[in-house]
Amino acid sequence: MTDTVDKIPAPSVPPEQIKAIPVRHYGRWVSGVVVIAIVALIGIAFSNANINYSVIPDYLFDPGIVSGAWTTLYISVLAMVLGVALGVVLAVMRLSSNPVTSTVSWFYIWFFRGTPVLVQLLLWYNISLVFPVLNLGFYKDEMNQVMTPVLTALLGLGLNEAAYMSEIVRAGIQSVDEGQTEASHALGMTQGQTLRRVVLPQAMRVIIPPTGNEFINMLKTSSLAYAVQLPELIKKATDISSTSLAVVEMYFVACIWYLFLTTIFSIVQYYIERRYARGSTRNLPPTPLQRLKKNLRMFGSFRRPEVAR
């Protein structure tokens, strides 16, 4: 009988811990230095310019400037409302099977998108050359009295915007699957009910982002109404510069106000887009505050750590 020797297992040696070494990205350092140098050169050039920056705060809240900013916002909102409302109608006409309405919509879009906004404003401003008197039966007056700068800007900007909004709405409507329309008709809905209750609510996710961009662009395009004597921001800034001789300084004041308005509405647009994205994405995009916190945590880091495997 042989003695059985118990085999003692050898002690297990733990694996050596993997030490991940981040990859150095020297190109980021170089590009960062180049960008900082360019920004510094631009800053030096503006600081040495013959511009009296000290007067800018004095005119920033001047009553005339504030009034011009309010007029800019006022006419932009009205023109955008007109553009959206008419744009929806034009988009429905463009998608209609009726060749007359479809052709009229196409011609409208072709004309207003193909001619400059400034030319359209000037044509409306001088429309009395074509129609000297406005006679609606219940109302009659000379066209020069009717076509005020506010009405001229509203028609010129709003009707031009309608051409662009019609294409945006049309793209949103066509993004909805045709099966949605067929199912609605199978349930007994009319064409109008299908459009209002089924198609347009789903198309809003596609329509909202470019519409927000169009409104922000409208805030800046409204400056063209200066040519028809509308007392908007640029007109007020120019009037003040003619008496104060601070021409460039007043343009800086106008730029600050435009940046303020566009920033506010860009934030509003972002949250509206975020709301309509709830049904299409699992993870909502971060809010501006969340994105700022993330960027602050990553600030100063030019290296990307590699994941250990």
Protein backbone atom coordinates (compact mmCIF):
# COMPACT_ATOMS: atom_id res chain seq x y z
CA MET A 1 0.00 0.00 0.00
CA THR A 2 1.53 3.20 -1.05
CA ASP A 3 1.27 6.33 0.97
CA THR A 4 -0.68 9.03 -0.76
CA VAL A 5 0.98 12.39 -0.49
CA ASP A 6 -1.47 15.23 -0.30
CA LYS A 7 -0.76 17.73 -2.99
CA ILE A 8 -0.64 21.24 -1.63
CA PRO A 9 -1.76 23.76 -4.26
CA ALA A 10 0.77 26.41 -5.11
CA PRO A 11 -0.11 29.86 -3.87
CA SER A 12 -1.83 31.94 -6.59
CA VAL A 13 0.08 35.00 -7.70
CA PRO A 14 -2.19 38.04 -8.24
CA PRO A 15 -1.86 39.55 -11.72
CA GLU A 16 0.16 42.67 -11.98
CA GLN A 17 -1.99 45.77 -11.99
CA ILE A 18 -2.19 47.40 -15.38
CA LYS A 19 -1.00 50.95 -15.34
CA ALA A 20 -2.71 52.97 -18.05
CA ILE A 21 -0.57 55.76 -19.42
CA PRO A 22 -2.57 58.56 -21.02
CA VAL A 23 -1.70 59.34 -24.59
CA ARG A 24 -0.22 62.79 -24.96
CA HIS A 25 -1.80 64.95 -27.60
CA TYR A 26 0.76 67.61 -28.38
CA GLY A 27 -1.34 68.89 -31.27
CA ARG A 28 -3.90 70.16 -28.77
CA TRP A 29 -1.25 72.19 -27.00
CA VAL A 30 -0.01 73.66 -30.27
CA SER A 31 -3.50 74.50 -31.55
CA GLY A 32 -4.42 75.99 -28.19
CA VAL A 33 -1.37 78.24 -28.18
CA VAL A 34 -2.04 79.34 -31.78
CA VAL A 35 -5.67 80.20 -31.00
CA ILE A 36 -4.70 82.14 -27.87
CA ALA A 37 -2.05 84.06 -29.85
CA ILE A 38 -4.56 85.01 -32.56
CA VAL A 39 -7.12 86.15 -29.98
CA ALA A 40 -4.43 88.17 -28.19
CA LEU A 41 -3.39 89.89 -31.44
CA ILE A 42 -7.00 90.78 -32.22
CA GLY A 43 -7.46 92.13 -28.70
CA ILE A 44 -4.31 94.25 -28.98
CA ALA A 45 -5.46 95.63 -32.34
CA PHE A 46 -8.84 96.68 -30.94
CA SER A 47 -7.28 98.13 -27.78
CA ASN A 48 -4.98 100.34 -29.87
CA ALA A 49 -7.76 101.44 -32.22
CA ASN A 50 -8.98 105.01 -32.29
CA ILE A 51 -12.20 104.10 -30.48
CA ASN A 52 -13.44 105.69 -27.26
CA TYR A 53 -14.64 102.60 -25.43
CA SER A 54 -15.47 104.59 -22.30
CA VAL A 55 -18.57 106.13 -23.88
CA ILE A 56 -20.13 102.76 -24.72
CA PRO A 57 -21.54 102.17 -21.19
CA ASP A 58 -22.95 105.70 -21.21
CA TYR A 59 -25.13 104.98 -24.26
CA LEU A 60 -25.90 101.33 -23.53
CA PHE A 61 -29.14 102.17 -21.74
CA ASP A 62 -29.86 105.44 -23.49
CA PRO A 63 -33.65 105.89 -23.87
CA GLY A 64 -33.29 106.05 -27.64
CA ILE A 65 -31.28 102.83 -27.78
CA VAL A 66 -33.69 101.00 -25.45
CA SER A 67 -36.61 102.22 -27.57
CA GLY A 68 -34.86 101.00 -30.73
CA ALA A 69 -34.18 97.58 -29.17
CA TRP A 70 -37.84 97.30 -28.18
CA THR A 71 -38.94 98.19 -31.72
CA THR A 72 -36.54 95.58 -33.11
CA LEU A 73 -38.01 92.92 -30.84
CA TYR A 74 -41.58 94.06 -31.52
CA ILE A 75 -41.33 94.04 -35.32
CA SER A 76 -39.37 90.76 -35.29
CA VAL A 77 -42.06 88.96 -33.27
CA LEU A 78 -44.89 90.30 -35.44
CA ALA A 79 -43.09 89.48 -38.68
CA MET A 80 -42.26 85.99 -37.41
CA VAL A 81 -45.88 85.32 -36.41
CA LEU A 82 -47.01 86.43 -39.87
CA GLY A 83 -44.30 84.33 -41.51
CA VAL A 84 -45.17 81.18 -39.55
CA ALA A 85 -48.92 81.49 -40.10
CA LEU A 86 -48.59 82.16 -43.82
CA GLY A 87 -45.82 79.59 -44.13
CA VAL A 88 -48.07 76.82 -42.83
CA VAL A 89 -50.74 77.78 -45.36
CA LEU A 90 -48.20 77.86 -48.21
CA ALA A 91 -46.77 74.48 -47.18
CA VAL A 92 -50.24 72.89 -47.21
CA MET A 93 -50.92 74.50 -50.59
CA ARG A 94 -47.60 73.22 -51.94
CA LEU A 95 -48.43 69.66 -50.87
CA SER A 96 -51.97 69.88 -52.21
CA SER A 97 -53.02 67.76 -55.17
CA ASN A 98 -54.75 70.82 -56.60
CA PRO A 99 -52.45 72.08 -59.38
CA VAL A 100 -53.64 75.70 -59.01
CA THR A 101 -52.88 76.08 -55.31
CA SER A 102 -49.66 74.11 -55.68
CA THR A 103 -48.47 76.33 -58.53
CA VAL A 104 -49.39 79.55 -56.72
CA SER A 105 -47.48 78.41 -53.64
CA TRP A 106 -44.45 77.45 -55.71
CA PHE A 107 -44.45 80.81 -57.50
CA TYR A 108 -44.73 82.71 -54.19
CA ILE A 109 -41.79 80.81 -52.70
CA TRP A 110 -39.76 81.24 -55.89
CA PHE A 111 -40.28 85.01 -55.99
CA PHE A 112 -39.78 85.89 -52.31
CA ARG A 113 -36.77 83.63 -51.87
CA GLY A 114 -35.21 84.84 -55.09
CA THR A 115 -35.25 88.59 -54.41
CA PRO A 116 -33.36 90.46 -51.66
CA VAL A 117 -35.23 91.48 -48.51
CA LEU A 118 -34.02 95.07 -48.87
CA VAL A 119 -35.52 95.31 -52.35
CA GLN A 120 -38.82 93.94 -51.08
CA LEU A 121 -38.87 96.51 -48.28
CA LEU A 122 -38.24 99.33 -50.73
CA LEU A 123 -40.97 98.05 -53.07
CA TRP A 124 -43.51 98.02 -50.24
CA TYR A 125 -42.34 101.47 -49.16
CA ASN A 126 -43.04 102.81 -52.67
CA ILE A 127 -46.17 100.77 -53.36
CA SER A 128 -48.12 104.01 -53.74
CA LEU A 129 -46.62 104.31 -57.23
CA VAL A 130 -48.71 101.27 -58.17
CA PHE A 131 -51.74 101.80 -55.92
CA PRO A 132 -52.05 105.53 -55.15
CA VAL A 133 -55.26 105.01 -53.16
CA LEU A 134 -56.30 102.10 -50.98
CA ASN A 135 -60.01 101.48 -51.45
CA LEU A 136 -61.51 98.54 -49.57
CA GLY A 137 -65.09 99.73 -49.82
CA PHE A 138 -65.47 100.31 -46.09
CA TYR A 139 -62.09 102.07 -45.87
CA LYS A 140 -60.43 104.50 -48.27
CA ASP A 141 -57.21 106.45 -47.84
CA GLU A 142 -54.06 107.43 -49.68
CA MET A 143 -51.49 104.66 -49.78
CA ASN A 144 -48.76 107.00 -48.50
CA GLN A 145 -50.74 107.40 -45.29
CA VAL A 146 -51.48 103.70 -44.96
CA MET A 147 -48.01 102.35 -45.67
CA THR A 148 -46.25 103.49 -42.49
CA PRO A 149 -42.69 102.33 -41.70
CA VAL A 150 -44.07 99.77 -39.23
CA LEU A 151 -46.50 98.28 -41.77
CA THR A 152 -43.83 98.36 -44.47
CA ALA A 153 -41.38 96.45 -42.26
CA LEU A 154 -44.07 93.99 -41.19
CA LEU A 155 -45.08 93.16 -44.75
CA GLY A 156 -41.54 93.15 -46.13
CA LEU A 157 -40.08 90.94 -43.40
CA GLY A 158 -43.15 88.79 -42.74
CA LEU A 159 -43.99 87.91 -46.33
CA ASN A 160 -40.35 87.11 -47.06
CA GLU A 161 -40.13 84.91 -43.97
CA ALA A 162 -43.27 83.04 -45.04
CA ALA A 163 -41.45 81.70 -48.09
CA TYR A 164 -38.72 80.16 -45.93
CA MET A 165 -41.12 78.91 -43.26
CA SER A 166 -43.23 77.16 -45.88
CA GLU A 167 -40.25 75.03 -46.89
CA ILE A 168 -39.45 74.28 -43.23
CA VAL A 169 -43.04 73.24 -42.51
CA ARG A 170 -43.19 71.19 -45.70
CA ALA A 171 -40.04 69.32 -44.69
CA GLY A 172 -41.52 68.68 -41.24
CA ILE A 173 -44.79 67.36 -42.69
CA GLN A 174 -42.98 65.07 -45.11
CA SER A 175 -40.83 63.70 -42.26
CA VAL A 176 -43.93 62.03 -40.74
CA ASP A 177 -44.45 58.50 -41.97
CA GLU A 178 -47.28 58.13 -44.48
CA GLY A 179 -48.66 55.25 -42.43
CA GLN A 180 -49.73 57.80 -39.81
CA THR A 181 -51.92 59.52 -42.37
CA GLU A 182 -53.34 56.26 -43.67
CA ALA A 183 -54.17 55.10 -40.15
CA SER A 184 -55.90 58.40 -39.40
CA HIS A 185 -58.02 58.13 -42.53
CA ALA A 186 -58.88 54.56 -41.59
CA LEU A 187 -60.22 55.87 -38.27
CA GLY A 188 -62.49 58.26 -40.15
CA MET A 189 -60.50 61.49 -39.75
CA THR A 190 -60.70 64.09 -42.47
CA GLN A 191 -57.65 65.55 -44.18
CA GLY A 192 -57.77 68.65 -41.99
CA GLN A 193 -58.18 66.66 -38.77
CA THR A 194 -55.29 64.42 -39.72
CA LEU A 195 -53.09 67.40 -40.37
CA ARG A 196 -53.96 69.17 -37.09
CA ARG A 197 -54.11 66.19 -34.73
CA VAL A 198 -51.61 63.72 -36.13
CA VAL A 199 -49.14 65.15 -38.65
CA LEU A 200 -48.29 68.60 -37.30
CA PRO A 201 -47.72 67.51 -33.67
CA GLN A 202 -45.19 64.91 -34.86
CA ALA A 203 -43.63 67.30 -37.35
CA MET A 204 -42.90 69.88 -34.64
CA ARG A 205 -39.69 68.06 -33.68
CA VAL A 206 -38.36 68.80 -37.17
CA ILE A 207 -39.94 72.25 -37.50
CA ILE A 208 -38.88 73.80 -34.17
CA PRO A 209 -35.04 73.95 -34.60
CA PRO A 210 -34.95 75.77 -37.96
CA THR A 211 -37.84 78.00 -36.87
CA GLY A 212 -35.82 79.13 -33.87
CA ASN A 213 -32.89 79.85 -36.15
CA GLU A 214 -35.16 81.84 -38.45
CA PHE A 215 -36.39 83.99 -35.56
CA ILE A 216 -32.85 84.70 -34.39
CA ASN A 217 -32.00 85.62 -37.96
CA MET A 218 -35.10 87.82 -38.07
CA LEU A 219 -33.80 89.84 -35.11
CA LYS A 220 -30.78 90.79 -37.21
CA THR A 221 -32.56 91.06 -40.57
CA SER A 222 -34.92 93.62 -39.05
CA SER A 223 -32.00 96.07 -39.18
CA LEU A 224 -32.72 96.41 -42.92
CA ALA A 225 -35.90 98.27 -41.97
CA TYR A 226 -33.58 101.21 -41.32
CA ALA A 227 -33.91 101.88 -45.07
CA VAL A 228 -37.66 102.53 -44.70
CA GLN A 229 -37.21 104.86 -41.70
CA LEU A 230 -38.35 102.38 -39.05
CA PRO A 231 -36.93 103.60 -35.69
CA GLU A 232 -35.32 100.27 -34.83
CA LEU A 233 -31.97 99.71 -33.12
CA ILE A 234 -29.65 100.60 -36.01
CA LYS A 235 -31.69 103.70 -36.90
CA LYS A 236 -31.58 104.94 -33.31
CA ALA A 237 -27.86 104.22 -33.02
CA THR A 238 -27.18 106.09 -36.26
CA ASP A 239 -29.26 109.07 -35.14
CA ILE A 240 -27.34 109.29 -31.86
CA SER A 241 -23.98 108.93 -33.63
CA SER A 242 -24.80 111.87 -35.91
CA THR A 243 -24.98 114.19 -32.91
CA SER A 244 -22.41 112.61 -30.60
CA LEU A 245 -19.91 111.82 -33.42
CA ALA A 246 -19.35 108.43 -31.75
CA VAL A 247 -20.11 106.44 -34.88
CA VAL A 248 -18.22 103.20 -34.28
CA GLU A 249 -18.97 103.33 -30.57
CA MET A 250 -22.72 103.32 -31.29
CA TYR A 251 -22.30 100.33 -33.57
CA PHE A 252 -20.68 98.52 -30.65
CA VAL A 253 -23.68 99.46 -28.51
CA ALA A 254 -26.02 98.01 -31.15
CA CYS A 255 -23.92 94.84 -31.34
CA ILE A 256 -24.16 94.36 -27.58
CA TRP A 257 -27.94 94.62 -27.71
CA TYR A 258 -28.18 92.22 -30.65
CA LEU A 259 -25.95 89.73 -28.83
CA PHE A 260 -28.10 90.05 -25.71
CA LEU A 261 -31.36 89.44 -27.60
CA THR A 262 -30.03 86.53 -29.65
CA THR A 263 -28.51 84.91 -26.55
CA ILE A 264 -31.80 85.05 -24.66
CA PHE A 265 -33.79 83.56 -27.50
CA SER A 266 -31.11 80.95 -28.23
CA ILE A 267 -31.53 79.66 -24.68
CA VAL A 268 -35.32 79.64 -25.08
CA GLN A 269 -34.97 77.79 -28.38
CA TYR A 270 -32.70 75.20 -26.77
CA TYR A 271 -35.22 74.33 -24.05
CA ILE A 272 -38.07 74.13 -26.56
CA GLU A 273 -36.02 71.74 -28.71
CA ARG A 274 -35.16 69.73 -25.60
CA ARG A 275 -38.83 69.39 -24.74
CA TYR A 276 -39.81 68.11 -28.19
CA ALA A 277 -36.86 65.70 -28.18
CA ARG A 278 -38.27 63.74 -25.25
CA GLY A 279 -40.09 61.27 -27.44
CA SER A 280 -37.25 60.66 -29.90
CA THR A 281 -34.12 60.26 -27.74
CA ARG A 282 -33.50 58.14 -24.66
CA ASN A 283 -31.12 60.60 -23.05
CA LEU A 284 -32.00 64.26 -23.27
CA PRO A 285 -29.17 66.61 -24.25
CA PRO A 286 -27.57 68.44 -21.31
CA THR A 287 -28.84 71.84 -20.32
CA PRO A 288 -26.55 74.86 -20.79
CA LEU A 289 -25.81 74.83 -17.04
CA GLN A 290 -24.91 71.13 -17.11
CA ARG A 291 -22.73 71.67 -20.18
CA LEU A 292 -20.98 74.60 -18.48
CA LYS A 293 -20.21 72.51 -15.39
CA LYS A 294 -18.84 69.73 -17.59
CA ASN A 295 -16.62 72.14 -19.53
CA LEU A 296 -15.32 73.67 -16.31
CA ARG A 297 -14.32 70.23 -15.06
CA MET A 298 -12.53 69.51 -18.31
CA PHE A 299 -10.94 72.97 -18.57
CA GLY A 300 -7.19 72.85 -18.73
CA SER A 301 -7.05 69.17 -19.65
CA PHE A 302 -5.37 68.58 -23.00
CA ARG A 303 -4.96 64.84 -22.50
CA ARG A 304 -7.50 62.11 -22.94
CA PRO A 305 -6.97 59.18 -20.57
CA GLU A 306 -7.10 55.78 -22.20
CA VAL A 307 -9.36 53.13 -20.69
CA ALA A 308 -7.46 50.21 -19.15
CA ARG A 309 -8.24 46.86 -20.67
